[in-house]
Amino acid sequence: MTDKVLRLLPLTEATYYILLALIEPLHGYGVMQKVEHLSQGAVRVGPGTLYGAFTTLEKQSLIVKVAEEERRKSYALTPLGRQVLLAQIGRLQVMSQRGEILSNVVDRIFEGGDPGGQVNEYGDLRHLRVSTGLEAILEADTRAH
């Protein structure tokens, strides 16, 4: 991964979905619809946000205008945009894998309550690392991948 790609990460959630939508050329309204669909309704971008993002993404050379008919401008990913999107997907995969491992550990610990007072009144789980062998679990998972 190049320094240029790394400098552009991490992406905001909206930017991630905009780039993901632009794996095929689309105009603004199409991008708004696709972002909402891809995010299962979790992310909605309005015209002001979208066109501001288009301006920024063009300046960063992540997208390029590929067509303009009347007021409809269509955009697509550039090769750099594709690299950044793939790098962000990799980051999200690591986060998801770690989250799955940790959620399983936390679920096991809290089945039937808080064994041994592992959590203080603020929900602090600092002691889990030592008491559950969490560090060893994460290290073994890292070696496996």
C-alpha atoms as a PDB file:
ATOM      1  CA  MET A   1       0.000   0.000   0.000  1.00  0.00           C
ATOM      2  CA  THR A   2       1.462   3.336  -1.015  1.00  0.00           C
ATOM      3  CA  ASP A   3       1.893   6.394   1.191  1.00  0.00           C
ATOM      4  CA  LYS A   4      -0.578   8.242  -1.013  1.00  0.00           C
ATOM      5  CA  VAL A   5      -3.265   5.637  -0.249  1.00  0.00           C
ATOM      6  CA  LEU A   6      -2.430   5.553   3.469  1.00  0.00           C
ATOM      7  CA  ARG A   7      -2.726   9.348   3.744  1.00  0.00           C
ATOM      8  CA  LEU A   8      -6.328   9.131   2.526  1.00  0.00           C
ATOM      9  CA  LEU A   9      -7.389   6.587   5.136  1.00  0.00           C
ATOM     10  CA  PRO A  10      -9.512   6.027   7.086  1.00  0.00           C
ATOM     11  CA  LEU A  11     -12.548   7.007   5.047  1.00  0.00           C
ATOM     12  CA  THR A  12     -15.682   8.379   6.643  1.00  0.00           C
ATOM     13  CA  GLU A  13     -18.664   6.077   6.407  1.00  0.00           C
ATOM     14  CA  ALA A  14     -20.357   8.321   3.836  1.00  0.00           C
ATOM     15  CA  THR A  15     -17.212   8.557   1.698  1.00  0.00           C
ATOM     16  CA  TYR A  16     -16.758   4.787   1.837  1.00  0.00           C
ATOM     17  CA  TYR A  17     -20.286   4.209   0.533  1.00  0.00           C
ATOM     18  CA  ILE A  18     -19.942   6.916  -2.133  1.00  0.00           C
ATOM     19  CA  LEU A  19     -16.781   5.271  -3.473  1.00  0.00           C
ATOM     20  CA  LEU A  20     -18.402   1.851  -3.262  1.00  0.00           C
ATOM     21  CA  ALA A  21     -21.382   3.146  -5.255  1.00  0.00           C
ATOM     22  CA  LEU A  22     -19.041   4.501  -7.915  1.00  0.00           C
ATOM     23  CA  ILE A  23     -17.534   1.160  -8.911  1.00  0.00           C
ATOM     24  CA  GLU A  24     -19.795   1.782 -11.888  1.00  0.00           C
ATOM     25  CA  PRO A  25     -20.366   5.261 -13.339  1.00  0.00           C
ATOM     26  CA  LEU A  26     -23.370   7.002 -11.785  1.00  0.00           C
ATOM     27  CA  HIS A  27     -24.897  10.450 -11.575  1.00  0.00           C
ATOM     28  CA  GLY A  28     -25.579  12.139  -8.257  1.00  0.00           C
ATOM     29  CA  TYR A  29     -29.136  10.935  -7.693  1.00  0.00           C
ATOM     30  CA  GLY A  30     -28.082   7.380  -8.568  1.00  0.00           C
ATOM     31  CA  VAL A  31     -25.252   7.602  -6.026  1.00  0.00           C
ATOM     32  CA  MET A  32     -27.664   8.806  -3.310  1.00  0.00           C
ATOM     33  CA  GLN A  33     -29.979   5.860  -3.994  1.00  0.00           C
ATOM     34  CA  LYS A  34     -27.151   3.324  -4.165  1.00  0.00           C
ATOM     35  CA  VAL A  35     -25.533   4.573  -0.935  1.00  0.00           C
ATOM     36  CA  GLU A  36     -28.822   4.122   0.901  1.00  0.00           C
ATOM     37  CA  HIS A  37     -29.279   0.652  -0.622  1.00  0.00           C
ATOM     38  CA  LEU A  38     -25.701  -0.538   0.024  1.00  0.00           C
ATOM     39  CA  SER A  39     -25.809   0.676   3.632  1.00  0.00           C
ATOM     40  CA  GLN A  40     -29.232  -0.907   4.170  1.00  0.00           C
ATOM     41  CA  GLY A  41     -30.630   2.516   4.975  1.00  0.00           C
ATOM     42  CA  ALA A  42     -27.997   3.318   7.613  1.00  0.00           C
ATOM     43  CA  VAL A  43     -26.389   6.071   5.516  1.00  0.00           C
ATOM     44  CA  ARG A  44     -28.268   8.681   3.541  1.00  0.00           C
ATOM     45  CA  VAL A  45     -26.516  11.493   1.751  1.00  0.00           C
ATOM     46  CA  GLY A  46     -28.315  14.615   0.621  1.00  0.00           C
ATOM     47  CA  PRO A  47     -27.432  16.650  -2.448  1.00  0.00           C
ATOM     48  CA  GLY A  48     -25.363  19.235  -0.562  1.00  0.00           C
ATOM     49  CA  THR A  49     -23.267  16.599   1.195  1.00  0.00           C
ATOM     50  CA  LEU A  50     -22.892  14.552  -1.963  1.00  0.00           C
ATOM     51  CA  TYR A  51     -21.773  17.368  -4.238  1.00  0.00           C
ATOM     52  CA  GLY A  52     -19.371  18.639  -1.589  1.00  0.00           C
ATOM     53  CA  ALA A  53     -17.954  15.112  -1.377  1.00  0.00           C
ATOM     54  CA  PHE A  54     -17.711  14.923  -5.194  1.00  0.00           C
ATOM     55  CA  THR A  55     -15.649  18.126  -5.209  1.00  0.00           C
ATOM     56  CA  THR A  56     -13.295  16.811  -2.520  1.00  0.00           C
ATOM     57  CA  LEU A  57     -12.987  13.358  -4.090  1.00  0.00           C
ATOM     58  CA  GLU A  58     -12.211  14.890  -7.495  1.00  0.00           C
ATOM     59  CA  LYS A  59      -9.491  17.088  -5.953  1.00  0.00           C
ATOM     60  CA  GLN A  60      -8.024  13.982  -4.298  1.00  0.00           C
ATOM     61  CA  SER A  61      -8.121  12.186  -7.683  1.00  0.00           C
ATOM     62  CA  LEU A  62     -10.337   9.423  -6.281  1.00  0.00           C
ATOM     63  CA  ILE A  63     -13.172  10.017  -8.749  1.00  0.00           C
ATOM     64  CA  VAL A  64     -13.481  11.580 -12.176  1.00  0.00           C
ATOM     65  CA  LYS A  65     -16.393  13.072 -14.083  1.00  0.00           C
ATOM     66  CA  VAL A  66     -17.080  10.712 -17.006  1.00  0.00           C
ATOM     67  CA  ALA A  67     -20.163  12.307 -18.574  1.00  0.00           C
ATOM     68  CA  GLU A  68     -22.306  15.402 -18.399  1.00  0.00           C
ATOM     69  CA  GLU A  69     -25.763  15.587 -19.963  1.00  0.00           C
ATOM     70  CA  GLU A  70     -27.680  18.765 -19.212  1.00  0.00           C
ATOM     71  CA  ARG A  71     -27.469  19.005 -15.415  1.00  0.00           C
ATOM     72  CA  ARG A  72     -26.617  15.333 -14.852  1.00  0.00           C
ATOM     73  CA  LYS A  73     -22.953  14.669 -14.155  1.00  0.00           C
ATOM     74  CA  SER A  74     -21.771  11.081 -13.918  1.00  0.00           C
ATOM     75  CA  TYR A  75     -18.713  10.080 -11.925  1.00  0.00           C
ATOM     76  CA  ALA A  76     -16.581   6.950 -11.647  1.00  0.00           C
ATOM     77  CA  LEU A  77     -13.660   5.721  -9.558  1.00  0.00           C
ATOM     78  CA  THR A  78     -10.130   6.398 -10.701  1.00  0.00           C
ATOM     79  CA  PRO A  79      -7.417   3.751 -10.262  1.00  0.00           C
ATOM     80  CA  LEU A  80      -6.335   5.591  -7.087  1.00  0.00           C
ATOM     81  CA  GLY A  81      -9.947   5.624  -5.897  1.00  0.00           C
ATOM     82  CA  ARG A  82     -10.117   1.871  -6.413  1.00  0.00           C
ATOM     83  CA  GLN A  83      -6.897   1.368  -4.403  1.00  0.00           C
ATOM     84  CA  VAL A  84      -8.208   3.513  -1.543  1.00  0.00           C
ATOM     85  CA  LEU A  85     -11.551   1.698  -1.551  1.00  0.00           C
ATOM     86  CA  LEU A  86      -9.850  -1.713  -1.452  1.00  0.00           C
ATOM     87  CA  ALA A  87      -7.553  -0.550   1.363  1.00  0.00           C
ATOM     88  CA  GLN A  88     -10.575   0.645   3.368  1.00  0.00           C
ATOM     89  CA  ILE A  89     -12.327  -2.683   2.769  1.00  0.00           C
ATOM     90  CA  GLY A  90      -9.236  -4.414   4.166  1.00  0.00           C
ATOM     91  CA  ARG A  91      -9.344  -2.188   7.250  1.00  0.00           C
ATOM     92  CA  LEU A  92     -13.024  -2.998   7.757  1.00  0.00           C
ATOM     93  CA  GLN A  93     -12.367  -6.729   7.407  1.00  0.00           C
ATOM     94  CA  VAL A  94      -9.753  -6.592  10.176  1.00  0.00           C
ATOM     95  CA  MET A  95     -12.141  -4.607  12.385  1.00  0.00           C
ATOM     96  CA  SER A  96     -14.927  -7.104  11.738  1.00  0.00           C
ATOM     97  CA  GLN A  97     -12.709 -10.122  12.458  1.00  0.00           C
ATOM     98  CA  ARG A  98     -11.453  -8.590  15.697  1.00  0.00           C
ATOM     99  CA  GLY A  99     -14.970  -7.603  16.705  1.00  0.00           C
ATOM    100  CA  GLU A 100     -16.238 -11.119  16.126  1.00  0.00           C
ATOM    101  CA  ILE A 101     -13.451 -12.637  18.228  1.00  0.00           C
ATOM    102  CA  LEU A 102     -13.923 -10.129  21.039  1.00  0.00           C
ATOM    103  CA  SER A 103     -17.717 -10.401  21.044  1.00  0.00           C
ATOM    104  CA  ASN A 104     -17.429 -14.176  21.463  1.00  0.00           C
ATOM    105  CA  VAL A 105     -15.014 -13.738  24.375  1.00  0.00           C
ATOM    106  CA  VAL A 106     -17.187 -11.101  26.041  1.00  0.00           C
ATOM    107  CA  ASP A 107     -20.316 -13.241  25.535  1.00  0.00           C
ATOM    108  CA  ARG A 108     -18.605 -16.184  27.252  1.00  0.00           C
ATOM    109  CA  ILE A 109     -17.467 -14.033  30.149  1.00  0.00           C
ATOM    110  CA  PHE A 110     -20.852 -12.481  30.784  1.00  0.00           C
ATOM    111  CA  GLU A 111     -22.976 -15.605  30.486  1.00  0.00           C
ATOM    112  CA  GLY A 112     -24.651 -15.704  33.848  1.00  0.00           C
ATOM    113  CA  GLY A 113     -23.416 -12.311  35.038  1.00  0.00           C
ATOM    114  CA  ASP A 114     -20.111 -10.691  35.834  1.00  0.00           C
ATOM    115  CA  PRO A 115     -17.834 -13.447  37.159  1.00  0.00           C
ATOM    116  CA  GLY A 116     -15.338 -12.255  39.698  1.00  0.00           C
ATOM    117  CA  GLY A 117     -16.190  -8.585  39.388  1.00  0.00           C
ATOM    118  CA  GLN A 118     -14.434  -8.118  36.034  1.00  0.00           C
ATOM    119  CA  VAL A 119     -16.364  -4.950  35.229  1.00  0.00           C
ATOM    120  CA  ASN A 120     -16.353  -1.847  37.396  1.00  0.00           C
ATOM    121  CA  GLU A 121     -19.290   0.535  37.725  1.00  0.00           C
ATOM    122  CA  TYR A 122     -18.215   2.303  34.518  1.00  0.00           C
ATOM    123  CA  GLY A 123     -18.237  -0.844  32.387  1.00  0.00           C
ATOM    124  CA  ASP A 124     -14.429  -0.883  32.290  1.00  0.00           C
ATOM    125  CA  LEU A 125     -13.162  -4.188  30.876  1.00  0.00           C
ATOM    126  CA  ARG A 126      -9.428  -3.577  31.383  1.00  0.00           C
ATOM    127  CA  HIS A 127      -8.981  -6.737  33.434  1.00  0.00           C
ATOM    128  CA  LEU A 128     -10.398  -8.984  30.699  1.00  0.00           C
ATOM    129  CA  ARG A 129      -7.092  -9.036  28.839  1.00  0.00           C
ATOM    130  CA  VAL A 130      -5.326 -10.822  31.679  1.00  0.00           C
ATOM    131  CA  SER A 131      -8.175 -12.914  33.057  1.00  0.00           C
ATOM    132  CA  THR A 132      -9.359 -14.376  29.735  1.00  0.00           C
ATOM    133  CA  GLY A 133      -6.134 -14.771  27.824  1.00  0.00           C
ATOM    134  CA  LEU A 134      -7.498 -12.277  25.309  1.00  0.00           C
ATOM    135  CA  GLU A 135      -4.008 -11.245  24.232  1.00  0.00           C
ATOM    136  CA  ALA A 136      -3.153 -14.871  23.388  1.00  0.00           C
ATOM    137  CA  ILE A 137      -6.392 -15.272  21.422  1.00  0.00           C
ATOM    138  CA  LEU A 138      -5.682 -12.189  19.323  1.00  0.00           C
ATOM    139  CA  GLU A 139      -2.050 -13.163  18.808  1.00  0.00           C
ATOM    140  CA  ALA A 140      -2.993 -16.681  17.675  1.00  0.00           C
ATOM    141  CA  ASP A 141      -5.587 -15.281  15.285  1.00  0.00           C
ATOM    142  CA  THR A 142      -3.034 -12.856  13.829  1.00  0.00           C
ATOM    143  CA  ARG A 143      -0.552 -15.685  13.234  1.00  0.00           C
ATOM    144  CA  ALA A 144      -3.285 -17.779  11.544  1.00  0.00           C
ATOM    145  CA  HIS A 145      -3.951 -15.029   8.994  1.00  0.00           C
END
